[in-house]
Amino acid sequence: MLDNLSFSSAILKLDSTQMKKMIDFFNMHEGYHLDEMQALIYKLYGEFVDVYQALIPALFLQYCKDGTFDFESEGSTTSTFDTVKQFYLDVYEALGNLLIVPVALNNVKYRADVEKLALIEKNAVSLEDFIGLTKATRYHFSLKNEIYTDFLGIIVNPKLRNAIGHNDVEYDTVSQLITYIPNPKDRTKKKTEYLLEFENEAIHMVQGVLAISEYIYRLRELELIFDDKIPFTARMPVNKLKKIGRNELCPCGSGKKYKYCHGRN
């Protein structure tokens, strides 16, 4: 998935003033500091290593074309629902928090304002609003028509996750079929999903976390640039630097004129 890192290098070329605002926003909110989000990712990596062998059949699915795998007749011999349930819940919760990163990047790229959300939820128009949303609602912002969320390739079933949380789930070990109640207010209706489908969702969420980890790596690069710990010219394209007038604001976001900031030398 991450064999070509050009998908994230473009982050370094987004509007620097907005990118600085983004980093400042994250670092001012508990649980969303760049270091905290990276630590959350490392914790999830550790859990993935522990459950990796159980997920090998689901990993195989990543090499199958959509619609070519028969979930009814094929199953997993390395896991059960209980084997991977907690990992699924943990990656769902973690990704629900980490989604703020690609959402904010989309805001900068498509709306030229890190705070301005896509019009998905009527009561959510800013990043501050996004933090206040439930995890299930945050996943509504995983837009396929905006690059930084589309690249994640997320497949998620919030109703199944909520059913697990309410213990509204039954698992048949023979058929490997998960039966759940999607709406606790109407317990007459049930849905089903095969174990390998469930595990496939977990794998896709892990892949999304991997991509966000790369996004955060780029943000930390920018943070070092803004703190003058990495030379500005080392990361910015030469042709872009030539267009900066000495009396213009420095694109690093410092608020100073270029001649008094990174143009001093």
Protein backbone atom coordinates (compact mmCIF):
# COMPACT_ATOMS: atom_id res chain seq x y z
CA MET A 1 0.00 0.00 0.00
CA LEU A 2 2.79 2.41 0.92
CA ASP A 3 5.26 1.44 -1.79
CA ASN A 4 4.96 4.93 -3.32
CA LEU A 5 5.16 7.72 -0.75
CA SER A 6 4.40 10.48 -3.25
CA PHE A 7 0.82 10.42 -1.92
CA SER A 8 2.07 12.11 1.26
CA SER A 9 4.96 14.24 0.02
CA ALA A 10 2.48 16.71 -1.50
CA ILE A 11 1.53 17.65 2.06
CA LEU A 12 4.77 19.63 2.23
CA LYS A 13 3.51 21.82 -0.62
CA LEU A 14 0.12 22.69 0.84
CA ASP A 15 -0.52 26.26 2.02
CA SER A 16 2.06 26.75 4.78
CA THR A 17 -0.01 29.22 6.80
CA GLN A 18 -2.90 26.77 6.97
CA MET A 19 -0.56 23.87 7.73
CA LYS A 20 0.91 25.75 10.67
CA LYS A 21 -2.60 26.44 11.94
CA MET A 22 -3.33 22.73 11.65
CA ILE A 23 -0.30 21.67 13.67
CA ASP A 24 -1.02 24.34 16.29
CA PHE A 25 -4.64 23.16 16.50
CA PHE A 26 -3.60 19.55 17.08
CA ASN A 27 -0.99 20.46 19.68
CA MET A 28 -3.50 22.57 21.61
CA HIS A 29 -5.99 19.71 22.02
CA GLU A 30 -5.38 16.89 24.45
CA GLY A 31 -5.27 13.55 22.71
CA TYR A 32 -4.51 15.13 19.34
CA HIS A 33 -0.91 16.29 19.80
CA LEU A 34 1.21 14.89 17.01
CA ASP A 35 3.21 12.89 19.57
CA GLU A 36 0.04 11.52 21.16
CA MET A 37 -1.43 10.41 17.84
CA GLN A 38 1.86 8.76 16.88
CA ALA A 39 1.95 6.95 20.24
CA LEU A 40 -1.59 5.70 19.60
CA ILE A 41 -0.45 4.32 16.24
CA TYR A 42 2.54 2.54 17.81
CA LYS A 43 0.23 0.96 20.40
CA LEU A 44 -2.00 -0.32 17.60
CA TYR A 45 1.02 -1.74 15.75
CA GLY A 46 1.82 -3.76 18.87
CA GLU A 47 -1.70 -5.18 18.97
CA PHE A 48 -1.53 -6.00 15.26
CA VAL A 49 1.67 -8.01 15.78
CA ASP A 50 -0.09 -10.02 18.50
CA VAL A 51 -3.10 -10.86 16.30
CA TYR A 52 -1.29 -11.01 12.95
CA GLN A 53 -1.34 -14.81 12.53
CA ALA A 54 -5.09 -14.95 13.07
CA LEU A 55 -5.58 -12.38 10.30
CA ILE A 56 -3.48 -14.10 7.62
CA PRO A 57 -6.54 -15.36 5.63
CA ALA A 58 -8.00 -11.85 5.72
CA LEU A 59 -4.66 -10.43 4.52
CA PHE A 60 -4.91 -12.81 1.57
CA LEU A 61 -8.18 -11.13 0.58
CA GLN A 62 -6.28 -7.94 -0.25
CA TYR A 63 -4.97 -9.74 -3.35
CA CYS A 64 -8.40 -10.89 -4.55
CA LYS A 65 -10.50 -8.87 -6.95
CA ASP A 66 -13.75 -7.52 -5.54
CA GLY A 67 -16.61 -9.98 -5.90
CA THR A 68 -14.40 -13.00 -6.64
CA PHE A 69 -14.26 -14.46 -3.13
CA ASP A 70 -17.04 -16.69 -1.84
CA PHE A 71 -17.44 -15.86 1.85
CA GLU A 72 -20.18 -18.47 2.27
CA SER A 73 -18.06 -21.44 1.27
CA GLU A 74 -14.63 -20.19 2.32
CA GLY A 75 -13.57 -19.33 5.87
CA SER A 76 -10.71 -18.87 8.31
CA THR A 77 -8.90 -21.75 10.03
CA THR A 78 -6.70 -19.46 12.10
CA SER A 79 -9.22 -17.39 14.02
CA THR A 80 -12.66 -17.03 15.54
CA PHE A 81 -14.80 -13.99 16.22
CA ASP A 82 -13.49 -13.79 19.81
CA THR A 83 -9.88 -13.94 18.57
CA VAL A 84 -10.07 -10.68 16.64
CA LYS A 85 -13.05 -8.88 18.20
CA GLN A 86 -11.04 -6.73 20.62
CA PHE A 87 -8.50 -5.80 17.97
CA TYR A 88 -11.32 -4.75 15.64
CA LEU A 89 -12.81 -2.56 18.37
CA ASP A 90 -9.44 -1.00 19.18
CA VAL A 91 -8.54 -0.17 15.58
CA TYR A 92 -12.05 1.24 15.02
CA GLU A 93 -11.69 3.56 18.04
CA ALA A 94 -8.13 4.58 17.17
CA LEU A 95 -8.93 5.34 13.55
CA GLY A 96 -11.96 7.32 14.65
CA ASN A 97 -9.58 9.66 16.49
CA LEU A 98 -6.87 9.69 13.82
CA LEU A 99 -9.34 10.59 11.05
CA ILE A 100 -9.00 14.23 12.09
CA VAL A 101 -5.65 14.31 10.25
CA PRO A 102 -6.82 13.44 6.70
CA VAL A 103 -10.01 15.44 7.26
CA ALA A 104 -7.96 18.52 8.14
CA LEU A 105 -5.68 17.96 5.14
CA ASN A 106 -8.74 17.78 2.88
CA ASN A 107 -9.96 21.05 4.40
CA VAL A 108 -6.72 22.76 3.37
CA LYS A 109 -6.56 21.22 -0.10
CA TYR A 110 -10.20 21.62 -1.14
CA ARG A 111 -11.51 24.50 0.96
CA ALA A 112 -8.29 26.49 1.62
CA ASP A 113 -9.17 26.59 5.32
CA VAL A 114 -8.03 23.96 7.82
CA GLU A 115 -11.08 24.65 9.99
CA LYS A 116 -13.72 24.34 7.25
CA LEU A 117 -15.30 20.88 7.04
CA ALA A 118 -17.07 19.46 4.01
CA LEU A 119 -20.82 19.87 4.33
CA ILE A 120 -21.64 16.38 5.58
CA GLU A 121 -23.26 16.96 8.95
CA LYS A 122 -25.36 20.12 9.46
CA ASN A 123 -24.06 20.69 12.98
CA ALA A 124 -20.41 20.11 12.11
CA VAL A 125 -18.68 22.90 10.23
CA SER A 126 -15.28 23.15 11.97
CA LEU A 127 -12.51 20.90 13.29
CA GLU A 128 -13.67 21.75 16.81
CA ASP A 129 -17.10 20.38 15.86
CA PHE A 130 -15.45 17.28 14.41
CA ILE A 131 -13.85 16.46 17.76
CA GLY A 132 -17.28 16.57 19.37
CA LEU A 133 -18.79 14.01 16.97
CA THR A 134 -19.29 10.34 17.77
CA LYS A 135 -16.83 7.92 16.18
CA ALA A 136 -19.54 6.58 13.86
CA THR A 137 -20.37 10.10 12.62
CA ARG A 138 -16.71 10.95 12.10
CA TYR A 139 -16.50 8.09 9.62
CA HIS A 140 -19.04 9.94 7.46
CA PHE A 141 -16.17 12.29 6.55
CA SER A 142 -14.17 9.46 4.92
CA LEU A 143 -14.99 10.94 1.53
CA LYS A 144 -14.13 9.08 -1.67
CA ASN A 145 -13.93 12.29 -3.69
CA GLU A 146 -11.25 13.93 -1.49
CA ILE A 147 -7.76 12.51 -1.75
CA TYR A 148 -6.51 12.34 1.82
CA THR A 149 -9.47 10.28 3.05
CA ASP A 150 -9.99 8.35 -0.19
CA PHE A 151 -6.42 7.02 -0.05
CA LEU A 152 -7.14 5.35 3.29
CA GLY A 153 -9.45 2.81 1.61
CA ILE A 154 -11.52 2.43 4.75
CA ILE A 155 -14.21 -0.25 4.94
CA VAL A 156 -16.17 0.01 8.16
CA ASN A 157 -19.51 -1.13 9.58
CA PRO A 158 -20.42 1.23 12.46
CA LYS A 159 -23.68 -0.61 13.13
CA LEU A 160 -21.83 -3.88 13.72
CA ARG A 161 -19.35 -2.10 15.98
CA ASN A 162 -22.21 -0.63 18.02
CA ALA A 163 -23.92 -4.01 18.18
CA ILE A 164 -20.74 -5.51 19.63
CA GLY A 165 -20.69 -2.73 22.21
CA HIS A 166 -24.26 -3.56 23.24
CA ASN A 167 -23.63 -7.33 23.18
CA ASP A 168 -26.21 -7.66 20.42
CA VAL A 169 -24.08 -10.19 18.53
CA GLU A 170 -24.15 -13.95 18.08
CA TYR A 171 -21.45 -16.03 16.38
CA ASP A 172 -21.85 -19.45 14.76
CA THR A 173 -18.48 -21.24 14.84
CA VAL A 174 -19.51 -23.72 12.11
CA SER A 175 -20.72 -21.27 9.46
CA GLN A 176 -18.47 -18.46 10.82
CA LEU A 177 -21.48 -16.18 10.51
CA ILE A 178 -21.86 -13.14 12.75
CA THR A 179 -25.49 -12.20 13.41
CA TYR A 180 -26.15 -8.80 14.91
CA ILE A 181 -28.90 -6.29 15.66
CA PRO A 182 -28.09 -3.05 13.79
CA ASN A 183 -30.71 -0.98 15.60
CA PRO A 184 -31.21 -1.67 19.35
CA LYS A 185 -34.60 0.11 19.15
CA ASP A 186 -35.87 -2.54 16.75
CA ARG A 187 -34.68 -5.93 17.89
CA THR A 188 -36.81 -7.79 15.35
CA LYS A 189 -34.40 -6.95 12.53
CA LYS A 190 -31.05 -8.70 12.26
CA LYS A 191 -28.14 -8.60 9.83
CA THR A 192 -25.28 -10.99 9.17
CA GLU A 193 -21.64 -10.79 8.20
CA TYR A 194 -19.07 -13.52 7.73
CA LEU A 195 -15.97 -13.64 9.92
CA LEU A 196 -13.64 -13.02 6.99
CA GLU A 197 -15.67 -9.96 5.98
CA PHE A 198 -15.33 -8.69 9.55
CA GLU A 199 -11.58 -9.29 9.52
CA ASN A 200 -11.27 -7.71 6.08
CA GLU A 201 -12.74 -4.52 7.52
CA ALA A 202 -10.15 -4.62 10.30
CA ILE A 203 -7.33 -4.98 7.75
CA HIS A 204 -8.60 -2.02 5.74
CA MET A 205 -8.76 0.08 8.89
CA VAL A 206 -5.16 -0.90 9.72
CA GLN A 207 -4.12 0.18 6.23
CA GLY A 208 -5.85 3.49 6.87
CA VAL A 209 -3.85 3.90 10.08
CA LEU A 210 -0.63 3.21 8.14
CA ALA A 211 -1.45 5.99 5.70
CA ILE A 212 -2.27 8.42 8.51
CA SER A 213 1.04 7.54 10.15
CA GLU A 214 2.75 8.76 6.99
CA TYR A 215 0.65 11.94 7.03
CA ILE A 216 1.74 12.58 10.62
CA TYR A 217 5.38 12.00 9.65
CA ARG A 218 5.03 14.80 7.06
CA LEU A 219 3.35 17.07 9.61
CA ARG A 220 6.22 16.51 12.01
CA GLU A 221 8.62 17.47 9.24
CA LEU A 222 6.70 20.70 8.77
CA GLU A 223 6.70 21.28 12.51
CA LEU A 224 10.50 21.08 12.51
CA ILE A 225 10.62 23.53 9.61
CA PHE A 226 8.35 25.99 11.40
CA ASP A 227 10.56 25.68 14.51
CA ASP A 228 13.70 26.36 12.40
CA LYS A 229 15.08 22.90 13.21
CA ILE A 230 15.14 21.98 9.50
CA PRO A 231 16.25 24.57 6.92
CA PHE A 232 13.19 25.89 5.11
CA THR A 233 14.94 25.76 1.74
CA ALA A 234 15.71 22.07 2.22
CA ARG A 235 12.02 21.17 1.88
CA MET A 236 10.53 23.79 -0.43
CA PRO A 237 10.80 23.60 -4.24
CA VAL A 238 13.34 26.05 -5.65
CA ASN A 239 10.93 27.47 -8.22
CA LYS A 240 8.46 28.27 -5.45
CA LEU A 241 11.10 30.11 -3.43
CA LYS A 242 12.01 32.29 -6.43
CA LYS A 243 8.46 33.64 -6.56
CA ILE A 244 8.59 34.97 -3.00
CA GLY A 245 9.16 38.71 -2.86
CA ARG A 246 11.41 40.00 -0.08
CA ASN A 247 8.61 42.15 1.28
CA GLU A 248 6.01 39.40 1.11
CA LEU A 249 5.00 37.36 4.15
CA CYS A 250 7.22 34.34 4.64
CA PRO A 251 5.36 31.16 3.59
CA CYS A 252 6.51 29.39 6.76
CA GLY A 253 3.63 31.04 8.58
CA SER A 254 5.70 33.11 11.02
CA GLY A 255 3.88 36.34 10.10
CA LYS A 256 7.19 38.06 9.30
CA LYS A 257 8.25 39.44 5.94
CA TYR A 258 10.33 36.97 3.95
CA LYS A 259 13.44 39.20 4.15
CA TYR A 260 13.29 39.16 7.93
CA CYS A 261 12.62 35.42 8.20
CA HIS A 262 13.79 32.60 5.93
CA GLY A 263 15.02 35.11 3.35
CA ARG A 264 17.60 36.64 5.69
CA ASN A 265 20.42 34.70 4.09
